[in-house]
């Protein structure tokens, strides 16, 4: 056996130790690099969760565009981990059947308005139809998310055993009284009129004597064209122009209380939503908020453009709804809610919650915000720019 000298032994030990350290760090570096290499593809290789949605809107309507805008925001933020495909109304179910289809899992989700579920429980239509004690659509959304509305809507859905996750977004501008063969000058002229609207607006106009037919958006213009209805409202200048209202009527009455605070609803099948990881739920939550702002900005741009096109190219006559008709709507609303609160405990709870929130937020808003018409008139007022004629 050959023995090393003390100096050689020390050098050998040092070299061995150094070699072991080098191997250790090399293995550690390789492991770290491997983990990193696996970490990135783990996300990109993860199986994509695909959700099939349907909107309650015709494919050509700007509302269906809003549904696709929301889906794109989710898809962009989620990468390929979650993909939402949006089909137009009727692709799988009719518009008014969307809620049940999502709850049962026939569809993974959908895009519509809460007022369409009026037949399930009339209280849900308080989110989209009626004067909401003077709140505009953005204030109704504020009540929903910060004043207890969301909890009430979720409770109503649970009471009906409807397994959905609901998100409200997209405050809509005040909707017109609608399209008429001749302008309405008095509330009495609504009596006997075959009129289209939805939600609790059905009760308002029924109280005023109209014969109401709650048709979905894509069926309104054909019904007007065939004389099945005499007059109708839908929503806004862009939708109304795209759907063909100026082809069948030339008089549009602007301003109304029947749907002055409506918003959109994004629905998910609740078991499928609950199965998502938290980060994807957060993506959806933030996509709802982003889509709400984006819709508001796009609406101002597009609706004002199409309002001009309706007036100039389509030769539509616009009239402001007379104050007497607006006051008649409020009086009818009082009668409707007096009956509904006695028949439906949820209706009273929602109404009481809205009333308390509206009394505070509307007072603040009216006291704080300046009358912007003064500034507009200062710069632009002239006969050609008048927003609407008086009937």
Protein backbone atom coordinates (compact mmCIF):
# COMPACT_ATOMS: atom_id res chain seq x y z
CA UNK A 1 0.00 0.00 0.00
CA UNK A 2 1.31 3.43 -0.89
CA UNK A 3 0.84 6.21 1.59
CA UNK A 4 0.71 9.88 0.68
CA UNK A 5 2.82 12.43 2.35
CA UNK A 6 0.94 14.88 4.59
CA UNK A 7 1.26 17.70 2.01
CA UNK A 8 0.05 15.41 -0.80
CA UNK A 9 -2.82 14.14 1.31
CA UNK A 10 -3.97 17.67 2.06
CA UNK A 11 -3.78 18.62 -1.61
CA UNK A 12 -5.64 15.48 -2.62
CA UNK A 13 -8.35 16.15 -0.04
CA UNK A 14 -8.68 19.71 -1.18
CA UNK A 15 -8.96 18.62 -4.81
CA UNK A 16 -11.55 15.98 -3.91
CA UNK A 17 -13.53 18.44 -1.87
CA UNK A 18 -13.34 21.01 -4.65
CA UNK A 19 -14.46 18.40 -7.14
CA UNK A 20 -17.39 17.40 -4.99
CA UNK A 21 -18.40 21.05 -4.64
CA UNK A 22 -18.18 21.53 -8.39
CA UNK A 23 -20.34 18.47 -8.98
CA UNK A 24 -22.85 19.63 -6.37
CA UNK A 25 -23.22 23.09 -7.86
CA UNK A 26 -23.37 21.66 -11.36
CA UNK A 27 -26.15 19.29 -10.32
CA UNK A 28 -27.96 22.11 -8.51
CA UNK A 29 -27.68 24.39 -11.52
CA UNK A 30 -28.94 21.65 -13.80
CA UNK A 31 -31.86 20.95 -11.48
CA UNK A 32 -32.74 24.65 -11.30
CA UNK A 33 -32.53 25.02 -15.06
CA UNK A 34 -34.62 21.91 -15.49
CA UNK A 35 -37.26 23.17 -13.10
CA UNK A 36 -37.33 26.50 -14.89
CA UNK A 37 -37.55 24.80 -18.24
CA UNK A 38 -40.41 22.67 -16.99
CA UNK A 39 -42.06 25.59 -15.19
CA UNK A 40 -42.73 27.72 -18.25
CA UNK A 41 -44.04 24.94 -20.49
CA UNK A 42 -46.19 23.68 -17.61
CA UNK A 43 -48.42 26.73 -18.18
CA UNK A 44 -48.35 26.63 -21.95
CA UNK A 45 -48.87 22.86 -22.03
CA UNK A 46 -51.68 22.90 -19.48
CA UNK A 47 -54.91 21.59 -20.93
CA UNK A 48 -57.12 24.41 -22.16
CA UNK A 49 -60.46 24.83 -20.43
CA UNK A 50 -62.99 25.71 -23.13
CA UNK A 51 -66.28 27.36 -22.26
CA UNK A 52 -69.09 27.58 -24.80
CA UNK A 53 -71.20 30.69 -24.32
CA UNK A 54 -74.27 31.98 -26.06
CA UNK A 55 -75.55 35.53 -26.06
CA UNK A 56 -79.19 36.58 -26.17
CA UNK A 57 -78.44 38.85 -29.12
CA UNK A 58 -78.42 38.50 -32.92
CA UNK A 59 -74.91 38.13 -34.35
CA UNK A 60 -75.06 41.52 -36.09
CA UNK A 61 -76.10 43.48 -32.99
CA UNK A 62 -73.55 45.56 -31.09
CA UNK A 63 -74.69 43.72 -27.94
CA UNK A 64 -73.25 40.50 -29.37
CA UNK A 65 -70.10 42.49 -30.08
CA UNK A 66 -69.98 43.43 -26.40
CA UNK A 67 -70.24 39.73 -25.52
CA UNK A 68 -67.29 38.98 -27.79
CA UNK A 69 -65.36 41.91 -26.30
CA UNK A 70 -65.73 40.37 -22.85
CA UNK A 71 -64.67 36.94 -24.10
CA UNK A 72 -61.59 38.38 -25.81
CA UNK A 73 -60.47 40.06 -22.61
CA UNK A 74 -60.74 36.75 -20.74
CA UNK A 75 -58.97 34.85 -23.51
CA UNK A 76 -56.14 37.39 -23.79
CA UNK A 77 -55.48 37.48 -20.05
CA UNK A 78 -55.79 33.72 -19.53
CA UNK A 79 -53.47 32.79 -22.39
CA UNK A 80 -54.45 29.33 -23.49
CA UNK A 81 -55.59 28.21 -20.05
CA UNK A 82 -59.19 29.36 -20.57
CA UNK A 83 -60.97 30.02 -23.84
CA UNK A 84 -64.51 31.38 -24.19
CA UNK A 85 -66.36 31.01 -27.48
CA UNK A 86 -69.52 33.08 -27.88
CA UNK A 87 -72.40 31.98 -30.10
CA UNK A 88 -75.30 34.27 -31.12
CA UNK A 89 -78.87 33.97 -29.91
CA UNK A 90 -80.62 30.84 -31.14
CA UNK A 91 -77.44 28.89 -31.87
CA UNK A 92 -78.28 26.49 -29.04
CA UNK A 93 -81.36 27.91 -27.27
CA UNK A 94 -83.75 30.83 -27.66
CA UNK A 95 -82.85 34.06 -25.90
CA UNK A 96 -85.32 33.68 -23.03
CA UNK A 97 -84.12 30.10 -22.37
CA UNK A 98 -80.49 31.06 -21.78
CA UNK A 99 -80.59 31.11 -17.98
CA UNK A 100 -81.92 27.55 -17.75
CA UNK A 101 -79.45 26.32 -20.36
CA UNK A 102 -76.51 27.71 -18.39
CA UNK A 103 -77.84 26.45 -15.04
CA UNK A 104 -78.28 22.93 -16.43
CA UNK A 105 -74.89 22.87 -18.15
CA UNK A 106 -76.26 22.77 -21.70
CA UNK A 107 -74.14 25.89 -22.12
CA UNK A 108 -71.12 26.83 -20.00
CA UNK A 109 -72.13 30.45 -19.87
CA UNK A 110 -73.99 33.28 -21.50
CA UNK A 111 -74.44 37.00 -22.03
CA UNK A 112 -77.77 38.74 -21.56
CA UNK A 113 -79.78 40.99 -19.25
CA UNK A 114 -81.40 40.18 -15.92
CA UNK A 115 -84.77 41.56 -17.05
CA UNK A 116 -85.10 38.55 -19.39
CA UNK A 117 -85.53 36.31 -16.31
CA UNK A 118 -88.59 38.23 -15.13
CA UNK A 119 -90.68 35.06 -15.39
CA UNK A 120 -88.50 33.28 -12.80
CA UNK A 121 -88.99 35.89 -10.10
CA UNK A 122 -90.20 39.42 -10.84
CA UNK A 123 -87.68 40.82 -8.35
CA UNK A 124 -84.75 40.13 -10.68
CA UNK A 125 -86.15 42.66 -13.17
CA UNK A 126 -85.53 45.42 -10.61
CA UNK A 127 -81.91 45.31 -11.79
CA UNK A 128 -82.87 46.49 -15.25
CA UNK A 129 -86.40 47.88 -15.56
CA UNK A 130 -88.16 50.66 -13.71
CA UNK A 131 -86.93 54.10 -12.65
CA UNK A 132 -84.76 52.77 -9.77
CA UNK A 133 -85.63 55.79 -7.61
CA UNK A 134 -83.71 58.12 -9.92
CA UNK A 135 -80.49 56.09 -10.20
CA UNK A 136 -78.76 55.88 -13.55
CA UNK A 137 -77.30 52.59 -14.78
CA UNK A 138 -73.87 53.18 -13.29
CA UNK A 139 -75.40 53.97 -9.90
CA UNK A 140 -77.44 50.77 -10.08
CA UNK A 141 -74.17 48.89 -10.64
CA UNK A 142 -72.66 50.73 -7.68
CA UNK A 143 -75.60 49.58 -5.55
CA UNK A 144 -75.17 46.05 -6.89
CA UNK A 145 -71.49 45.74 -5.97
CA UNK A 146 -71.26 48.00 -2.91
CA UNK A 147 -74.81 48.35 -1.61
CA UNK A 148 -75.88 44.72 -1.19
CA UNK A 149 -77.47 44.05 -4.57
CA UNK A 150 -75.13 41.22 -5.56
CA UNK A 151 -75.88 39.28 -2.40
CA UNK A 152 -79.61 39.66 -2.99
CA UNK A 153 -79.40 38.49 -6.62
CA UNK A 154 -77.29 35.49 -5.64
CA UNK A 155 -79.83 34.63 -2.95
CA UNK A 156 -82.70 34.81 -5.44
CA UNK A 157 -80.90 32.47 -7.83
CA UNK A 158 -80.20 30.03 -4.98
CA UNK A 159 -83.85 30.13 -3.89
CA UNK A 160 -84.80 29.09 -7.42
CA UNK A 161 -82.16 26.34 -7.46
CA UNK A 162 -80.54 28.04 -10.46
CA UNK A 163 -76.87 27.04 -10.43
CA UNK A 164 -75.21 30.05 -12.02
CA UNK A 165 -72.44 32.50 -11.19
CA UNK A 166 -73.63 35.96 -12.20
CA UNK A 167 -71.58 39.08 -13.01
CA UNK A 168 -73.28 42.37 -13.85
CA UNK A 169 -71.49 45.00 -15.91
CA UNK A 170 -71.89 47.56 -18.68
CA UNK A 171 -74.13 50.48 -17.64
CA UNK A 172 -76.56 51.28 -20.46
CA UNK A 173 -77.64 54.82 -21.33
CA UNK A 174 -81.32 55.67 -20.85
CA UNK A 175 -83.38 53.73 -23.34
CA UNK A 176 -85.92 55.42 -25.62
CA UNK A 177 -89.66 55.14 -25.23
CA UNK A 178 -89.44 53.54 -28.64
CA UNK A 179 -90.50 53.50 -32.27
CA UNK A 180 -94.03 54.56 -33.24
CA UNK A 181 -96.11 55.08 -36.36
CA UNK A 182 -96.94 58.52 -35.01
CA UNK A 183 -95.52 60.41 -32.00
CA UNK A 184 -97.08 59.96 -28.57
CA UNK A 185 -98.23 63.23 -27.03
CA UNK A 186 -100.31 61.92 -24.11
CA UNK A 187 -100.20 58.81 -21.94
CA UNK A 188 -103.77 58.03 -22.98
CA UNK A 189 -102.52 57.30 -26.50
CA UNK A 190 -100.80 54.18 -25.17
CA UNK A 191 -104.16 52.54 -24.44
CA UNK A 192 -104.81 49.60 -26.73
CA UNK A 193 -101.41 49.96 -28.41
CA UNK A 194 -99.67 46.66 -29.17
CA UNK A 195 -96.26 47.39 -27.70
CA UNK A 196 -93.02 45.46 -27.17
CA UNK A 197 -90.92 45.74 -24.02
CA UNK A 198 -89.51 43.40 -21.34
CA UNK A 199 -89.11 43.02 -17.58
CA UNK A 200 -91.09 45.16 -15.21
CA UNK A 201 -91.65 47.61 -18.06
CA UNK A 202 -94.30 45.07 -19.13
CA UNK A 203 -96.21 45.91 -15.95
CA UNK A 204 -95.73 49.68 -16.38
CA UNK A 205 -97.13 49.75 -19.91
CA UNK A 206 -99.85 47.23 -19.10
CA UNK A 207 -100.95 49.56 -16.28
CA UNK A 208 -101.03 52.39 -18.83
CA UNK A 209 -103.34 50.35 -21.04
CA UNK A 210 -100.99 48.94 -23.67
CA UNK A 211 -101.17 45.35 -24.90
CA UNK A 212 -97.59 44.26 -24.24
CA UNK A 213 -95.65 41.53 -26.06
CA UNK A 214 -92.19 40.79 -24.52
CA UNK A 215 -90.30 39.71 -27.65
CA UNK A 216 -86.52 39.09 -27.71
CA UNK A 217 -84.40 41.55 -29.69
CA UNK A 218 -84.12 39.63 -32.95
CA UNK A 219 -87.90 39.23 -33.30
CA UNK A 220 -89.01 42.85 -32.85
CA UNK A 221 -88.54 44.35 -36.32
CA UNK A 222 -90.20 41.40 -38.14
CA UNK A 223 -93.16 41.73 -35.77
CA UNK A 224 -93.39 45.46 -36.47
CA UNK A 225 -93.13 44.85 -40.20
CA UNK A 226 -95.96 42.30 -40.15
CA UNK A 227 -98.19 44.45 -37.94
CA UNK A 228 -98.12 42.03 -35.03
CA UNK A 229 -97.14 44.98 -32.84
CA UNK A 230 -97.77 48.71 -33.32
CA UNK A 231 -94.76 50.10 -31.48
CA UNK A 232 -91.62 48.86 -29.75
CA UNK A 233 -88.53 49.78 -27.83
CA UNK A 234 -85.22 47.94 -27.81
CA UNK A 235 -82.24 49.86 -26.54
CA UNK A 236 -80.02 52.32 -28.41
CA UNK A 237 -79.33 54.07 -31.72
CA UNK A 238 -76.73 51.52 -32.90
CA UNK A 239 -78.74 48.40 -32.12
CA UNK A 240 -81.93 49.94 -33.47
CA UNK A 241 -80.23 50.93 -36.73
CA UNK A 242 -78.50 47.55 -37.19
CA UNK A 243 -81.69 45.61 -36.47
CA UNK A 244 -83.63 47.64 -39.04
CA UNK A 245 -86.05 49.76 -37.01
CA UNK A 246 -85.85 52.73 -39.42
CA UNK A 247 -86.99 50.43 -42.23
CA UNK A 248 -90.36 49.87 -40.55
CA UNK A 249 -90.93 53.07 -38.54
CA UNK A 250 -89.82 56.69 -38.85
CA UNK A 251 -90.74 58.16 -35.46
CA UNK A 252 -88.62 57.51 -32.36
CA UNK A 253 -89.47 58.86 -28.92
CA UNK A 254 -86.40 59.56 -26.78
CA UNK A 255 -86.20 59.37 -22.98
CA UNK A 256 -88.21 57.11 -20.72
CA UNK A 257 -88.23 55.75 -17.18
CA UNK A 258 -89.18 52.19 -18.13
CA UNK A 259 -85.52 51.05 -18.53
CA UNK A 260 -83.36 53.92 -17.41
CA UNK A 261 -80.83 51.93 -15.37
CA UNK A 262 -80.15 48.62 -17.13
CA UNK A 263 -76.91 46.65 -17.42
CA UNK A 264 -75.62 43.40 -18.92
CA UNK A 265 -75.20 40.07 -17.17
CA UNK A 266 -72.46 37.50 -17.78
CA UNK A 267 -73.47 34.04 -16.60
CA UNK A 268 -71.40 30.94 -15.84
CA UNK A 269 -72.58 27.45 -14.99
CA UNK A 270 -71.73 27.47 -11.29
CA UNK A 271 -70.19 23.96 -10.95
CA UNK A 272 -67.94 24.67 -13.93
CA UNK A 273 -67.02 28.09 -12.62
CA UNK A 274 -66.32 26.74 -9.13
CA UNK A 275 -63.96 24.12 -10.60
CA UNK A 276 -61.69 26.82 -12.05
CA UNK A 277 -58.45 27.65 -10.20
CA UNK A 278 -58.50 30.93 -8.30
CA UNK A 279 -56.24 32.74 -10.78
CA UNK A 280 -58.70 32.09 -13.60
CA UNK A 281 -61.60 33.27 -11.45
CA UNK A 282 -59.59 36.46 -10.91
CA UNK A 283 -59.08 36.79 -14.66
CA UNK A 284 -62.85 36.62 -15.14
CA UNK A 285 -63.48 39.14 -12.37
CA UNK A 286 -61.06 41.68 -13.81
CA UNK A 287 -62.28 41.03 -17.37
CA UNK A 288 -65.80 41.94 -16.20
CA UNK A 289 -64.54 45.22 -14.78
CA UNK A 290 -62.47 46.02 -17.88
CA UNK A 291 -65.34 45.12 -20.21
CA UNK A 292 -67.68 47.37 -18.23
CA UNK A 293 -65.47 50.40 -18.76
CA UNK A 294 -64.76 49.52 -22.39
CA UNK A 295 -68.46 49.06 -23.16
CA UNK A 296 -69.25 52.46 -21.66
CA UNK A 297 -66.64 54.18 -23.82
CA UNK A 298 -67.60 52.31 -26.99
CA UNK A 299 -71.29 53.07 -26.43
CA UNK A 300 -70.69 56.83 -26.24
CA UNK A 301 -68.75 56.67 -29.51
CA UNK A 302 -70.94 54.33 -31.53
CA UNK A 303 -74.38 55.40 -30.32
CA UNK A 304 -73.72 59.06 -31.05
CA UNK A 305 -72.49 58.22 -34.56
CA UNK A 306 -75.56 56.14 -35.34
CA UNK A 307 -77.87 58.75 -33.85
CA UNK A 308 -76.59 61.18 -36.49
CA UNK A 309 -76.94 58.51 -39.21
CA UNK A 310 -80.53 57.81 -38.18
CA UNK A 311 -81.38 61.50 -38.40
CA UNK A 312 -79.57 62.29 -41.63
CA UNK A 313 -79.39 59.16 -43.79
CA UNK A 314 -82.42 57.26 -42.50
CA UNK A 315 -84.60 60.36 -42.12
CA UNK A 316 -85.90 59.34 -38.69
CA UNK A 317 -87.92 61.91 -36.74
CA UNK A 318 -86.83 62.07 -33.10
CA UNK A 319 -89.11 63.46 -30.41
CA UNK A 320 -88.58 63.97 -26.71
CA UNK A 321 -91.09 61.99 -24.68
CA UNK A 322 -93.43 64.59 -23.14
CA UNK A 323 -93.05 65.18 -19.42
CA UNK A 324 -96.71 64.26 -18.94
CA UNK A 325 -95.97 60.76 -20.26
CA UNK A 326 -92.89 60.45 -18.04
CA UNK A 327 -94.93 61.44 -14.99
CA UNK A 328 -97.58 58.90 -15.97
CA UNK A 329 -94.85 56.22 -16.05
CA UNK A 330 -93.79 57.11 -12.51
CA UNK A 331 -97.39 56.97 -11.29
CA UNK A 332 -97.83 53.59 -12.98
CA UNK A 333 -94.60 52.39 -11.39
CA UNK A 334 -95.91 53.31 -7.95
CA UNK A 335 -98.99 51.18 -8.54
CA UNK A 336 -96.92 48.26 -9.87
CA UNK A 337 -94.50 48.17 -6.94
CA UNK A 338 -97.32 48.50 -4.40
CA UNK A 339 -98.77 45.26 -5.74
CA UNK A 340 -95.46 43.44 -6.24
CA UNK A 341 -94.12 44.15 -2.77
CA UNK A 342 -97.22 42.60 -1.26
CA UNK A 343 -96.95 39.48 -3.42
CA UNK A 344 -93.19 38.85 -3.38
CA UNK A 345 -90.95 39.18 -0.28
CA UNK A 346 -87.80 39.30 -2.44
CA UNK A 347 -89.28 42.19 -4.40
CA UNK A 348 -89.71 44.23 -1.24
CA UNK A 349 -86.20 43.45 0.01
CA UNK A 350 -84.58 44.47 -3.26
CA UNK A 351 -86.72 47.59 -3.55
CA UNK A 352 -85.98 48.67 0.03
CA UNK A 353 -82.25 48.19 -0.55
CA UNK A 354 -82.34 50.21 -3.77
CA UNK A 355 -84.38 52.97 -2.18
CA UNK A 356 -81.94 53.43 0.72
CA UNK A 357 -78.95 53.52 -1.63
CA UNK A 358 -80.62 55.83 -4.16
CA UNK A 359 -81.66 58.40 -1.56
CA UNK A 360 -78.01 58.87 -0.61
CA UNK A 361 -76.18 58.49 -3.93
CA UNK A 362 -78.64 60.47 -6.07
CA UNK A 363 -78.67 63.40 -3.63
CA UNK A 364 -74.88 63.48 -3.74
CA UNK A 365 -74.85 63.24 -7.55
CA UNK A 366 -77.47 65.94 -8.19
CA UNK A 367 -75.84 68.32 -5.70
CA UNK A 368 -72.33 67.70 -7.01
CA UNK A 369 -72.48 67.35 -10.79
CA UNK A 370 -72.80 70.44 -12.97
CA UNK A 371 -75.44 70.74 -15.69
CA UNK A 372 -73.35 69.86 -18.75
CA UNK A 373 -76.06 71.03 -21.14
CA UNK A 374 -75.15 74.62 -20.19
CA UNK A 375 -71.60 74.14 -21.46
CA UNK A 376 -72.80 72.29 -24.57
CA UNK A 377 -75.25 75.05 -25.43
CA UNK A 378 -72.55 77.65 -24.86
CA UNK A 379 -70.46 76.14 -27.65
CA UNK A 380 -72.85 74.32 -29.97
CA UNK A 381 -76.47 75.38 -29.49
CA UNK A 382 -78.16 76.20 -32.78
CA UNK A 383 -81.38 74.92 -34.37
CA UNK A 384 -79.66 72.21 -36.44
CA UNK A 385 -78.06 70.69 -33.35
CA UNK A 386 -81.25 70.38 -31.30
CA UNK A 387 -81.25 66.81 -29.90
CA UNK A 388 -84.94 66.13 -30.43
CA UNK A 389 -88.23 67.71 -31.38
CA UNK A 390 -91.10 68.08 -29.02
CA UNK A 391 -94.11 66.03 -30.00
